[in-house]
Amino acid sequence: MKTLQVPNNGTDAPDTPFAIYHQSCVISFFPRRNRLITLSLTTFSMEWISITQTLPEELKEILIFDRLEGINIAYYFKETNSYIVAIDGSRLTNVGYWMPLPESPGGEL
């Protein structure tokens, strides 16, 4: 994440933090009383990876695409070369693609 502080010369800037989500990045604005705004730019990749190209890390939550079941959050098990759906424990056998989950936005919900 890159952070940059810039002067806030406008009078209509919000008083609370906010973020703009655009394609593969998040721009977060953190207004300050001293008329500086902190801009944080977070980039992330949201591209599907073929299982024939690279296998995911074992036992880490990932997004998977199964041609019969669609998109699910699952875990990869190397020993059995299988994908288990996180929500119900079902085993998917037609997985062709996966991608890492994006990082948590952090802060309080």
PDB file of N, CA and C in Angstrom:
ATOM      1  N   MET A   1       0.847  -1.163   0.000  1.00  0.00           N
ATOM      2  CA  MET A   1       0.000   0.000   0.000  1.00  0.00           C
ATOM      3  C   MET A   1       0.890   1.222   0.000  1.00  0.00           C
ATOM      4  N   LYS A   2       0.556   2.213  -0.827  1.00  0.00           N
ATOM      5  CA  LYS A   2       1.281   3.468  -0.869  1.00  0.00           C
ATOM      6  C   LYS A   2       0.422   4.546  -0.228  1.00  0.00           C
ATOM      7  N   THR A   3       1.050   5.409   0.568  1.00  0.00           N
ATOM      8  CA  THR A   3       0.327   6.479   1.237  1.00  0.00           C
ATOM      9  C   THR A   3       0.968   7.807   0.878  1.00  0.00           C
ATOM     10  N   LEU A   4       0.138   8.801   0.608  1.00  0.00           N
ATOM     11  CA  LEU A   4       0.595  10.130   0.238  1.00  0.00           C
ATOM     12  C   LEU A   4      -0.282  11.146   0.938  1.00  0.00           C
ATOM     13  N   GLN A   5       0.314  12.171   1.531  1.00  0.00           N
ATOM     14  CA  GLN A   5      -0.478  13.231   2.140  1.00  0.00           C
ATOM     15  C   GLN A   5      -0.446  14.444   1.224  1.00  0.00           C
ATOM     16  N   VAL A   6      -1.622  15.003   0.969  1.00  0.00           N
ATOM     17  CA  VAL A   6      -1.734  16.174   0.093  1.00  0.00           C
ATOM     18  C   VAL A   6      -2.548  17.245   0.802  1.00  0.00           C
ATOM     19  N   PRO A   7      -2.291  18.531   0.479  1.00  0.00           N
ATOM     20  CA  PRO A   7      -3.070  19.595   1.111  1.00  0.00           C
ATOM     21  C   PRO A   7      -4.530  19.521   0.703  1.00  0.00           C
ATOM     22  N   ASN A   8      -5.406  19.818   1.631  1.00  0.00           N
ATOM     23  CA  ASN A   8      -6.836  19.871   1.359  1.00  0.00           C
ATOM     24  C   ASN A   8      -7.212  21.340   1.181  1.00  0.00           C
ATOM     25  N   ASN A   9      -7.252  21.797  -0.057  1.00  0.00           N
ATOM     26  CA  ASN A   9      -7.553  23.196  -0.333  1.00  0.00           C
ATOM     27  C   ASN A   9      -9.037  23.448  -0.522  1.00  0.00           C
ATOM     28  N   GLY A  10      -9.812  22.394  -0.626  1.00  0.00           N
ATOM     29  CA  GLY A  10     -11.250  22.546  -0.821  1.00  0.00           C
ATOM     30  C   GLY A  10     -11.986  22.624   0.501  1.00  0.00           C
ATOM     31  N   THR A  11     -13.162  23.187   0.474  1.00  0.00           N
ATOM     32  CA  THR A  11     -13.948  23.303   1.704  1.00  0.00           C
ATOM     33  C   THR A  11     -15.025  22.232   1.778  1.00  0.00           C
ATOM     34  N   ASP A  12     -15.199  21.452   0.716  1.00  0.00           N
ATOM     35  CA  ASP A  12     -16.271  20.470   0.693  1.00  0.00           C
ATOM     36  C   ASP A  12     -15.781  19.046   0.948  1.00  0.00           C
ATOM     37  N   ALA A  13     -14.569  18.882   1.478  1.00  0.00           N
ATOM     38  CA  ALA A  13     -14.048  17.547   1.769  1.00  0.00           C
ATOM     39  C   ALA A  13     -14.815  16.952   2.940  1.00  0.00           C
ATOM     40  N   PRO A  14     -15.108  15.664   2.902  1.00  0.00           N
ATOM     41  CA  PRO A  14     -15.840  15.031   4.004  1.00  0.00           C
ATOM     42  C   PRO A  14     -14.987  14.983   5.267  1.00  0.00           C
ATOM     43  N   ASP A  15     -15.654  14.862   6.417  1.00  0.00           N
ATOM     44  CA  ASP A  15     -14.967  14.801   7.704  1.00  0.00           C
ATOM     45  C   ASP A  15     -14.612  13.384   8.114  1.00  0.00           C
ATOM     46  N   THR A  16     -15.137  12.381   7.425  1.00  0.00           N
ATOM     47  CA  THR A  16     -14.897  10.992   7.801  1.00  0.00           C
ATOM     48  C   THR A  16     -14.193  10.267   6.663  1.00  0.00           C
ATOM     49  N   PRO A  17     -13.437   9.206   6.971  1.00  0.00           N
ATOM     50  CA  PRO A  17     -12.754   8.446   5.914  1.00  0.00           C
ATOM     51  C   PRO A  17     -13.746   7.849   4.917  1.00  0.00           C
ATOM     52  N   PHE A  18     -13.327   7.740   3.673  1.00  0.00           N
ATOM     53  CA  PHE A  18     -14.125   7.062   2.664  1.00  0.00           C
ATOM     54  C   PHE A  18     -13.187   6.448   1.641  1.00  0.00           C
ATOM     55  N   ALA A  19     -13.709   5.567   0.785  1.00  0.00           N
ATOM     56  CA  ALA A  19     -12.873   4.884  -0.198  1.00  0.00           C
ATOM     57  C   ALA A  19     -13.578   4.840  -1.538  1.00  0.00           C
ATOM     58  N   ILE A  20     -12.781   4.804  -2.597  1.00  0.00           N
ATOM     59  CA  ILE A  20     -13.288   4.625  -3.954  1.00  0.00           C
ATOM     60  C   ILE A  20     -12.699   3.322  -4.479  1.00  0.00           C
ATOM     61  N   TYR A  21     -13.565   2.443  -4.961  1.00  0.00           N
ATOM     62  CA  TYR A  21     -13.127   1.161  -5.526  1.00  0.00           C
ATOM     63  C   TYR A  21     -13.220   1.271  -7.043  1.00  0.00           C
ATOM     64  N   HIS A  22     -12.099   1.037  -7.726  1.00  0.00           N
ATOM     65  CA  HIS A  22     -12.093   1.140  -9.174  1.00  0.00           C
ATOM     66  C   HIS A  22     -11.227   0.032  -9.755  1.00  0.00           C
ATOM     67  N   GLN A  23     -11.814  -0.847 -10.510  1.00  0.00           N
ATOM     68  CA  GLN A  23     -11.136  -1.963 -11.166  1.00  0.00           C
ATOM     69  C   GLN A  23     -10.214  -2.698 -10.202  1.00  0.00           C
ATOM     70  N   SER A  24      -8.896  -2.505 -10.290  1.00  0.00           N
ATOM     71  CA  SER A  24      -7.984  -3.304  -9.464  1.00  0.00           C
ATOM     72  C   SER A  24      -7.305  -2.487  -8.373  1.00  0.00           C
ATOM     73  N   CYS A  25      -7.962  -1.425  -7.891  1.00  0.00           N
ATOM     74  CA  CYS A  25      -7.349  -0.681  -6.803  1.00  0.00           C
ATOM     75  C   CYS A  25      -8.411  -0.075  -5.894  1.00  0.00           C
ATOM     76  N   VAL A  26      -7.987   0.274  -4.701  1.00  0.00           N
ATOM     77  CA  VAL A  26      -8.833   0.950  -3.725  1.00  0.00           C
ATOM     78  C   VAL A  26      -8.102   2.227  -3.337  1.00  0.00           C
ATOM     79  N   ILE A  27      -8.766   3.358  -3.446  1.00  0.00           N
ATOM     80  CA  ILE A  27      -8.182   4.622  -3.023  1.00  0.00           C
ATOM     81  C   ILE A  27      -8.934   5.055  -1.777  1.00  0.00           C
ATOM     82  N   SER A  28      -8.237   5.139  -0.648  1.00  0.00           N
ATOM     83  CA  SER A  28      -8.856   5.497   0.627  1.00  0.00           C
ATOM     84  C   SER A  28      -8.473   6.928   0.992  1.00  0.00           C
ATOM     85  N   PHE A  29      -9.454   7.693   1.433  1.00  0.00           N
ATOM     86  CA  PHE A  29      -9.233   9.080   1.819  1.00  0.00           C
ATOM     87  C   PHE A  29      -9.444   9.214   3.314  1.00  0.00           C
ATOM     88  N   PHE A  30      -8.467   9.777   4.014  1.00  0.00           N
ATOM     89  CA  PHE A  30      -8.539   9.963   5.456  1.00  0.00           C
ATOM     90  C   PHE A  30      -8.339  11.446   5.772  1.00  0.00           C
ATOM     91  N   PRO A  31      -9.415  12.230   5.807  1.00  0.00           N
ATOM     92  CA  PRO A  31      -9.289  13.663   6.091  1.00  0.00           C
ATOM     93  C   PRO A  31      -8.720  13.911   7.486  1.00  0.00           C
ATOM     94  N   ARG A  32      -7.972  14.992   7.620  1.00  0.00           N
ATOM     95  CA  ARG A  32      -7.374  15.378   8.899  1.00  0.00           C
ATOM     96  C   ARG A  32      -7.773  16.816   9.215  1.00  0.00           C
ATOM     97  N   ARG A  33      -7.831  17.124  10.478  1.00  0.00           N
ATOM     98  CA  ARG A  33      -8.204  18.476  10.927  1.00  0.00           C
ATOM     99  C   ARG A  33      -7.186  19.532  10.484  1.00  0.00           C
ATOM    100  N   ASN A  34      -5.932  19.113  10.257  1.00  0.00           N
ATOM    101  CA  ASN A  34      -4.914  20.079   9.866  1.00  0.00           C
ATOM    102  C   ASN A  34      -4.922  20.355   8.361  1.00  0.00           C
ATOM    103  N   ARG A  35      -6.037  20.052   7.719  1.00  0.00           N
ATOM    104  CA  ARG A  35      -6.264  20.318   6.300  1.00  0.00           C
ATOM    105  C   ARG A  35      -5.369  19.485   5.376  1.00  0.00           C
ATOM    106  N   LEU A  36      -4.916  18.320   5.863  1.00  0.00           N
ATOM    107  CA  LEU A  36      -4.221  17.364   5.010  1.00  0.00           C
ATOM    108  C   LEU A  36      -5.144  16.177   4.805  1.00  0.00           C
ATOM    109  N   ILE A  37      -5.102  15.605   3.640  1.00  0.00           N
ATOM    110  CA  ILE A  37      -5.850  14.384   3.358  1.00  0.00           C
ATOM    111  C   ILE A  37      -4.819  13.301   3.071  1.00  0.00           C
ATOM    112  N   THR A  38      -4.956  12.167   3.735  1.00  0.00           N
ATOM    113  CA  THR A  38      -4.075  11.034   3.470  1.00  0.00           C
ATOM    114  C   THR A  38      -4.747  10.148   2.425  1.00  0.00           C
ATOM    115  N   LEU A  39      -4.061   9.900   1.333  1.00  0.00           N
ATOM    116  CA  LEU A  39      -4.563   9.035   0.264  1.00  0.00           C
ATOM    117  C   LEU A  39      -3.803   7.726   0.317  1.00  0.00           C
ATOM    118  N   SER A  40      -4.508   6.625   0.412  1.00  0.00           N
ATOM    119  CA  SER A  40      -3.874   5.311   0.399  1.00  0.00           C
ATOM    120  C   SER A  40      -4.331   4.557  -0.834  1.00  0.00           C
ATOM    121  N   LEU A  41      -3.390   4.078  -1.623  1.00  0.00           N
ATOM    122  CA  LEU A  41      -3.704   3.332  -2.830  1.00  0.00           C
ATOM    123  C   LEU A  41      -3.318   1.881  -2.621  1.00  0.00           C
ATOM    124  N   THR A  42      -4.304   0.996  -2.711  1.00  0.00           N
ATOM    125  CA  THR A  42      -4.069  -0.435  -2.565  1.00  0.00           C
ATOM    126  C   THR A  42      -4.440  -1.101  -3.883  1.00  0.00           C
ATOM    127  N   THR A  43      -3.518  -1.824  -4.468  1.00  0.00           N
ATOM    128  CA  THR A  43      -3.811  -2.529  -5.711  1.00  0.00           C
ATOM    129  C   THR A  43      -3.907  -4.025  -5.434  1.00  0.00           C
ATOM    130  N   PHE A  44      -4.716  -4.699  -6.229  1.00  0.00           N
ATOM    131  CA  PHE A  44      -4.848  -6.138  -6.076  1.00  0.00           C
ATOM    132  C   PHE A  44      -5.175  -6.736  -7.435  1.00  0.00           C
ATOM    133  N   SER A  45      -4.805  -7.975  -7.598  1.00  0.00           N
ATOM    134  CA  SER A  45      -5.056  -8.685  -8.848  1.00  0.00           C
ATOM    135  C   SER A  45      -6.279  -9.571  -8.680  1.00  0.00           C
ATOM    136  N   MET A  46      -7.200  -9.470  -9.599  1.00  0.00           N
ATOM    137  CA  MET A  46      -8.404 -10.297  -9.553  1.00  0.00           C
ATOM    138  C   MET A  46      -8.515 -11.083 -10.858  1.00  0.00           C
ATOM    139  N   GLU A  47      -7.500 -11.857 -11.148  1.00  0.00           N
ATOM    140  CA  GLU A  47      -7.489 -12.649 -12.367  1.00  0.00           C
ATOM    141  C   GLU A  47      -7.527 -14.132 -12.020  1.00  0.00           C
ATOM    142  N   TRP A  48      -8.309 -14.886 -12.786  1.00  0.00           N
ATOM    143  CA  TRP A  48      -8.412 -16.331 -12.578  1.00  0.00           C
ATOM    144  C   TRP A  48      -7.112 -17.003 -12.996  1.00  0.00           C
ATOM    145  N   ILE A  49      -6.677 -17.990 -12.210  1.00  0.00           N
ATOM    146  CA  ILE A  49      -5.470 -18.768 -12.484  1.00  0.00           C
ATOM    147  C   ILE A  49      -5.901 -20.193 -12.792  1.00  0.00           C
ATOM    148  N   SER A  50      -5.453 -20.718 -13.916  1.00  0.00           N
ATOM    149  CA  SER A  50      -5.786 -22.092 -14.295  1.00  0.00           C
ATOM    150  C   SER A  50      -5.066 -23.070 -13.369  1.00  0.00           C
ATOM    151  N   ILE A  51      -5.770 -24.136 -12.969  1.00  0.00           N
ATOM    152  CA  ILE A  51      -5.126 -25.140 -12.111  1.00  0.00           C
ATOM    153  C   ILE A  51      -4.058 -25.917 -12.876  1.00  0.00           C
ATOM    154  N   THR A  52      -4.073 -25.846 -14.205  1.00  0.00           N
ATOM    155  CA  THR A  52      -3.021 -26.487 -14.989  1.00  0.00           C
ATOM    156  C   THR A  52      -1.756 -25.624 -15.005  1.00  0.00           C
ATOM    157  N   GLN A  53      -1.911 -24.335 -14.661  1.00  0.00           N
ATOM    158  CA  GLN A  53      -0.774 -23.414 -14.625  1.00  0.00           C
ATOM    159  C   GLN A  53      -0.113 -23.420 -13.252  1.00  0.00           C
ATOM    160  N   THR A  54      -0.906 -23.208 -12.196  1.00  0.00           N
ATOM    161  CA  THR A  54      -0.401 -23.134 -10.821  1.00  0.00           C
ATOM    162  C   THR A  54      -1.473 -23.624  -9.863  1.00  0.00           C
ATOM    163  N   LEU A  55      -1.075 -24.437  -8.896  1.00  0.00           N
ATOM    164  CA  LEU A  55      -2.012 -24.879  -7.873  1.00  0.00           C
ATOM    165  C   LEU A  55      -1.988 -23.896  -6.706  1.00  0.00           C
ATOM    166  N   PRO A  56      -3.123 -23.725  -6.020  1.00  0.00           N
ATOM    167  CA  PRO A  56      -3.155 -22.800  -4.878  1.00  0.00           C
ATOM    168  C   PRO A  56      -2.404 -23.349  -3.672  1.00  0.00           C
ATOM    169  N   GLU A  57      -2.142 -22.468  -2.719  1.00  0.00           N
ATOM    170  CA  GLU A  57      -1.527 -22.864  -1.461  1.00  0.00           C
ATOM    171  C   GLU A  57      -2.510 -23.741  -0.695  1.00  0.00           C
ATOM    172  N   GLU A  58      -1.996 -24.777  -0.077  1.00  0.00           N
ATOM    173  CA  GLU A  58      -2.857 -25.721   0.637  1.00  0.00           C
ATOM    174  C   GLU A  58      -3.487 -25.092   1.878  1.00  0.00           C
ATOM    175  N   LEU A  59      -4.757 -25.419   2.119  1.00  0.00           N
ATOM    176  CA  LEU A  59      -5.519 -25.045   3.307  1.00  0.00           C
ATOM    177  C   LEU A  59      -5.679 -23.534   3.503  1.00  0.00           C
ATOM    178  N   LYS A  60      -5.660 -22.792   2.413  1.00  0.00           N
ATOM    179  CA  LYS A  60      -5.887 -21.353   2.462  1.00  0.00           C
ATOM    180  C   LYS A  60      -7.167 -21.058   1.693  1.00  0.00           C
ATOM    181  N   GLU A  61      -8.044 -20.219   2.251  1.00  0.00           N
ATOM    182  CA  GLU A  61      -9.291 -19.900   1.555  1.00  0.00           C
ATOM    183  C   GLU A  61      -8.997 -19.212   0.232  1.00  0.00           C
ATOM    184  N   ILE A  62      -9.667 -19.706  -0.823  1.00  0.00           N
ATOM    185  CA  ILE A  62      -9.503 -19.154  -2.165  1.00  0.00           C
ATOM    186  C   ILE A  62     -10.874 -19.106  -2.843  1.00  0.00           C
ATOM    187  N   LEU A  63     -10.961 -18.345  -3.914  1.00  0.00           N
ATOM    188  CA  LEU A  63     -12.136 -18.416  -4.789  1.00  0.00           C
ATOM    189  C   LEU A  63     -11.847 -19.470  -5.834  1.00  0.00           C
ATOM    190  N   ILE A  64     -12.810 -20.308  -6.113  1.00  0.00           N
ATOM    191  CA  ILE A  64     -12.637 -21.318  -7.159  1.00  0.00           C
ATOM    192  C   ILE A  64     -13.795 -21.217  -8.143  1.00  0.00           C
ATOM    193  N   PHE A  65     -13.525 -21.639  -9.368  1.00  0.00           N
ATOM    194  CA  PHE A  65     -14.583 -21.735 -10.375  1.00  0.00           C
ATOM    195  C   PHE A  65     -14.708 -23.183 -10.795  1.00  0.00           C
ATOM    196  N   ASP A  66     -15.850 -23.775 -10.496  1.00  0.00           N
ATOM    197  CA  ASP A  66     -16.171 -25.149 -10.870  1.00  0.00           C
ATOM    198  C   ASP A  66     -17.183 -25.065 -12.017  1.00  0.00           C
ATOM    199  N   ARG A  67     -16.944 -25.778 -13.115  1.00  0.00           N
ATOM    200  CA  ARG A  67     -17.814 -25.613 -14.288  1.00  0.00           C
ATOM    201  C   ARG A  67     -19.256 -26.058 -14.057  1.00  0.00           C
ATOM    202  N   LEU A  68     -19.509 -26.860 -13.025  1.00  0.00           N
ATOM    203  CA  LEU A  68     -20.883 -27.260 -12.710  1.00  0.00           C
ATOM    204  C   LEU A  68     -21.492 -26.451 -11.562  1.00  0.00           C
ATOM    205  N   GLU A  69     -20.676 -26.075 -10.587  1.00  0.00           N
ATOM    206  CA  GLU A  69     -21.172 -25.399  -9.380  1.00  0.00           C
ATOM    207  C   GLU A  69     -20.951 -23.892  -9.367  1.00  0.00           C
ATOM    208  N   GLY A  70     -20.159 -23.375 -10.314  1.00  0.00           N
ATOM    209  CA  GLY A  70     -19.902 -21.936 -10.357  1.00  0.00           C
ATOM    210  C   GLY A  70     -18.815 -21.517  -9.384  1.00  0.00           C
ATOM    211  N   ILE A  71     -18.952 -20.296  -8.864  1.00  0.00           N
ATOM    212  CA  ILE A  71     -17.940 -19.709  -7.990  1.00  0.00           C
ATOM    213  C   ILE A  71     -18.242 -20.018  -6.530  1.00  0.00           C
ATOM    214  N   ASN A  72     -17.210 -20.435  -5.802  1.00  0.00           N
ATOM    215  CA  ASN A  72     -17.329 -20.749  -4.377  1.00  0.00           C
ATOM    216  C   ASN A  72     -16.042 -20.360  -3.663  1.00  0.00           C
ATOM    217  N   ILE A  73     -16.133 -20.191  -2.356  1.00  0.00           N
ATOM    218  CA  ILE A  73     -14.940 -20.077  -1.522  1.00  0.00           C
ATOM    219  C   ILE A  73     -14.616 -21.493  -1.065  1.00  0.00           C
ATOM    220  N   ALA A  74     -13.357 -21.885  -1.236  1.00  0.00           N
ATOM    221  CA  ALA A  74     -12.984 -23.268  -0.943  1.00  0.00           C
ATOM    222  C   ALA A  74     -11.556 -23.353  -0.435  1.00  0.00           C
ATOM    223  N   TYR A  75     -11.181 -24.565  -0.052  1.00  0.00           N
ATOM    224  CA  TYR A  75      -9.816 -24.888   0.368  1.00  0.00           C
ATOM    225  C   TYR A  75      -9.282 -25.958  -0.569  1.00  0.00           C
ATOM    226  N   TYR A  76      -7.979 -25.892  -0.873  1.00  0.00           N
ATOM    227  CA  TYR A  76      -7.328 -26.917  -1.675  1.00  0.00           C
ATOM    228  C   TYR A  76      -6.583 -27.866  -0.741  1.00  0.00           C
ATOM    229  N   PHE A  77      -6.749 -29.182  -0.960  1.00  0.00           N
ATOM    230  CA  PHE A  77      -6.044 -30.214  -0.193  1.00  0.00           C
ATOM    231  C   PHE A  77      -5.081 -30.933  -1.130  1.00  0.00           C
ATOM    232  N   LYS A  78      -3.778 -30.736  -0.906  1.00  0.00           N
ATOM    233  CA  LYS A  78      -2.752 -31.277  -1.784  1.00  0.00           C
ATOM    234  C   LYS A  78      -2.732 -32.804  -1.777  1.00  0.00           C
ATOM    235  N   GLU A  79      -2.847 -33.402  -0.593  1.00  0.00           N
ATOM    236  CA  GLU A  79      -2.748 -34.870  -0.469  1.00  0.00           C
ATOM    237  C   GLU A  79      -3.769 -35.593  -1.340  1.00  0.00           C
ATOM    238  N   THR A  80      -4.985 -35.060  -1.403  1.00  0.00           N
ATOM    239  CA  THR A  80      -6.048 -35.694  -2.197  1.00  0.00           C
ATOM    240  C   THR A  80      -6.323 -34.950  -3.502  1.00  0.00           C
ATOM    241  N   ASN A  81      -5.572 -33.856  -3.742  1.00  0.00           N
ATOM    242  CA  ASN A  81      -5.767 -33.020  -4.925  1.00  0.00           C
ATOM    243  C   ASN A  81      -7.247 -32.655  -5.100  1.00  0.00           C
ATOM    244  N   SER A  82      -7.834 -32.156  -4.008  1.00  0.00           N
ATOM    245  CA  SER A  82      -9.265 -31.849  -4.054  1.00  0.00           C
ATOM    246  C   SER A  82      -9.557 -30.457  -3.491  1.00  0.00           C
ATOM    247  N   TYR A  83     -10.745 -29.959  -3.839  1.00  0.00           N
ATOM    248  CA  TYR A  83     -11.220 -28.653  -3.409  1.00  0.00           C
ATOM    249  C   TYR A  83     -12.480 -28.861  -2.580  1.00  0.00           C
ATOM    250  N   ILE A  84     -12.463 -28.323  -1.357  1.00  0.00           N
ATOM    251  CA  ILE A  84     -13.587 -28.479  -0.442  1.00  0.00           C
ATOM    252  C   ILE A  84     -14.224 -27.109  -0.211  1.00  0.00           C
ATOM    253  N   VAL A  85     -15.536 -27.028  -0.427  1.00  0.00           N
ATOM    254  CA  VAL A  85     -16.265 -25.774  -0.265  1.00  0.00           C
ATOM    255  C   VAL A  85     -16.270 -25.388   1.211  1.00  0.00           C
ATOM    256  N   ALA A  86     -15.939 -24.134   1.500  1.00  0.00           N
ATOM    257  CA  ALA A  86     -15.809 -23.666   2.885  1.00  0.00           C
ATOM    258  C   ALA A  86     -17.133 -23.711   3.639  1.00  0.00           C
ATOM    259  N   ILE A  87     -18.233 -23.386   3.002  1.00  0.00           N
ATOM    260  CA  ILE A  87     -19.501 -23.241   3.712  1.00  0.00           C
ATOM    261  C   ILE A  87     -20.158 -24.565   4.095  1.00  0.00           C
ATOM    262  N   ASP A  88     -19.985 -25.614   3.266  1.00  0.00           N
ATOM    263  CA  ASP A  88     -20.692 -26.867   3.573  1.00  0.00           C
ATOM    264  C   ASP A  88     -19.813 -28.129   3.531  1.00  0.00           C
ATOM    265  N   GLY A  89     -18.551 -27.993   3.202  1.00  0.00           N
ATOM    266  CA  GLY A  89     -17.648 -29.138   3.195  1.00  0.00           C
ATOM    267  C   GLY A  89     -17.788 -30.068   2.002  1.00  0.00           C
ATOM    268  N   SER A  90     -18.590 -29.670   1.000  1.00  0.00           N
ATOM    269  CA  SER A  90     -18.738 -30.542  -0.172  1.00  0.00           C
ATOM    270  C   SER A  90     -17.469 -30.501  -1.023  1.00  0.00           C
ATOM    271  N   ARG A  91     -17.223 -31.617  -1.704  1.00  0.00           N
ATOM    272  CA  ARG A  91     -16.031 -31.745  -2.550  1.00  0.00           C
ATOM    273  C   ARG A  91     -16.403 -31.433  -3.989  1.00  0.00           C
ATOM    274  N   LEU A  92     -15.633 -30.539  -4.629  1.00  0.00           N
ATOM    275  CA  LEU A  92     -15.891 -30.183  -6.021  1.00  0.00           C
ATOM    276  C   LEU A  92     -14.862 -30.867  -6.915  1.00  0.00           C
ATOM    277  N   THR A  93     -15.335 -31.431  -8.017  1.00  0.00           N
ATOM    278  CA  THR A  93     -14.449 -32.213  -8.889  1.00  0.00           C
ATOM    279  C   THR A  93     -14.253 -31.615 -10.277  1.00  0.00           C
ATOM    280  N   ASN A  94     -14.888 -30.487 -10.545  1.00  0.00           N
ATOM    281  CA  ASN A  94     -14.778 -29.872 -11.868  1.00  0.00           C
ATOM    282  C   ASN A  94     -14.166 -28.477 -11.810  1.00  0.00           C
ATOM    283  N   VAL A  95     -13.236 -28.290 -10.873  1.00  0.00           N
ATOM    284  CA  VAL A  95     -12.583 -26.987 -10.702  1.00  0.00           C
ATOM    285  C   VAL A  95     -11.551 -26.806 -11.801  1.00  0.00           C
ATOM    286  N   GLY A  96     -11.602 -25.653 -12.455  1.00  0.00           N
ATOM    287  CA  GLY A  96     -10.638 -25.353 -13.507  1.00  0.00           C
ATOM    288  C   GLY A  96      -9.804 -24.123 -13.208  1.00  0.00           C
ATOM    289  N   TYR A  97     -10.335 -23.238 -12.344  1.00  0.00           N
ATOM    290  CA  TYR A  97      -9.661 -21.979 -12.065  1.00  0.00           C
ATOM    291  C   TYR A  97      -9.801 -21.595 -10.597  1.00  0.00           C
ATOM    292  N   TRP A  98      -8.867 -20.783 -10.129  1.00  0.00           N
ATOM    293  CA  TRP A  98      -8.896 -20.279  -8.760  1.00  0.00           C
ATOM    294  C   TRP A  98      -8.257 -18.898  -8.738  1.00  0.00           C
ATOM    295  N   MET A  99      -8.474 -18.177  -7.636  1.00  0.00           N
ATOM    296  CA  MET A  99      -7.794 -16.916  -7.380  1.00  0.00           C
ATOM    297  C   MET A  99      -7.755 -16.666  -5.878  1.00  0.00           C
ATOM    298  N   PRO A 100      -6.728 -15.940  -5.413  1.00  0.00           N
ATOM    299  CA  PRO A 100      -6.685 -15.629  -3.990  1.00  0.00           C
ATOM    300  C   PRO A 100      -7.811 -14.660  -3.630  1.00  0.00           C
ATOM    301  N   LEU A 101      -8.257 -14.722  -2.399  1.00  0.00           N
ATOM    302  CA  LEU A 101      -9.228 -13.743  -1.913  1.00  0.00           C
ATOM    303  C   LEU A 101      -8.519 -12.420  -1.678  1.00  0.00           C
ATOM    304  N   PRO A 102      -9.205 -11.297  -1.889  1.00  0.00           N
ATOM    305  CA  PRO A 102      -8.574 -10.022  -1.580  1.00  0.00           C
ATOM    306  C   PRO A 102      -8.379  -9.880  -0.072  1.00  0.00           C
ATOM    307  N   GLU A 103      -7.461  -8.995   0.326  1.00  0.00           N
ATOM    308  CA  GLU A 103      -7.236  -8.756   1.747  1.00  0.00           C
ATOM    309  C   GLU A 103      -8.450  -8.104   2.380  1.00  0.00           C
ATOM    310  N   SER A 104      -8.595  -8.309   3.671  1.00  0.00           N
ATOM    311  CA  SER A 104      -9.673  -7.678   4.421  1.00  0.00           C
ATOM    312  C   SER A 104      -9.484  -6.168   4.365  1.00  0.00           C
ATOM    313  N   PRO A 105     -10.590  -5.405   4.350  1.00  0.00           N
ATOM    314  CA  PRO A 105     -10.451  -3.954   4.296  1.00  0.00           C
ATOM    315  C   PRO A 105      -9.884  -3.377   5.585  1.00  0.00           C
ATOM    316  N   GLY A 106      -9.859  -4.170   6.652  1.00  0.00           N
ATOM    317  CA  GLY A 106      -9.313  -3.709   7.924  1.00  0.00           C
ATOM    318  C   GLY A 106     -10.280  -2.788   8.640  1.00  0.00           C
ATOM    319  N   GLY A 107      -9.885  -2.353   9.800  1.00  0.00           N
ATOM    320  CA  GLY A 107     -10.752  -1.462  10.581  1.00  0.00           C
ATOM    321  C   GLY A 107     -11.937  -2.194  11.161  1.00  0.00           C
ATOM    322  N   GLU A 108     -12.794  -1.433  11.816  1.00  0.00           N
ATOM    323  CA  GLU A 108     -13.979  -2.003  12.436  1.00  0.00           C
ATOM    324  C   GLU A 108     -15.116  -2.071  11.437  1.00  0.00           C
ATOM    325  N   LEU A 109     -15.953  -3.080  11.565  1.00  0.00           N
ATOM    326  CA  LEU A 109     -17.117  -3.215  10.700  1.00  0.00           C
ATOM    327  C   LEU A 109     -18.308  -2.522  11.324  1.00  0.00           C
TER     328      LEU A 109
END
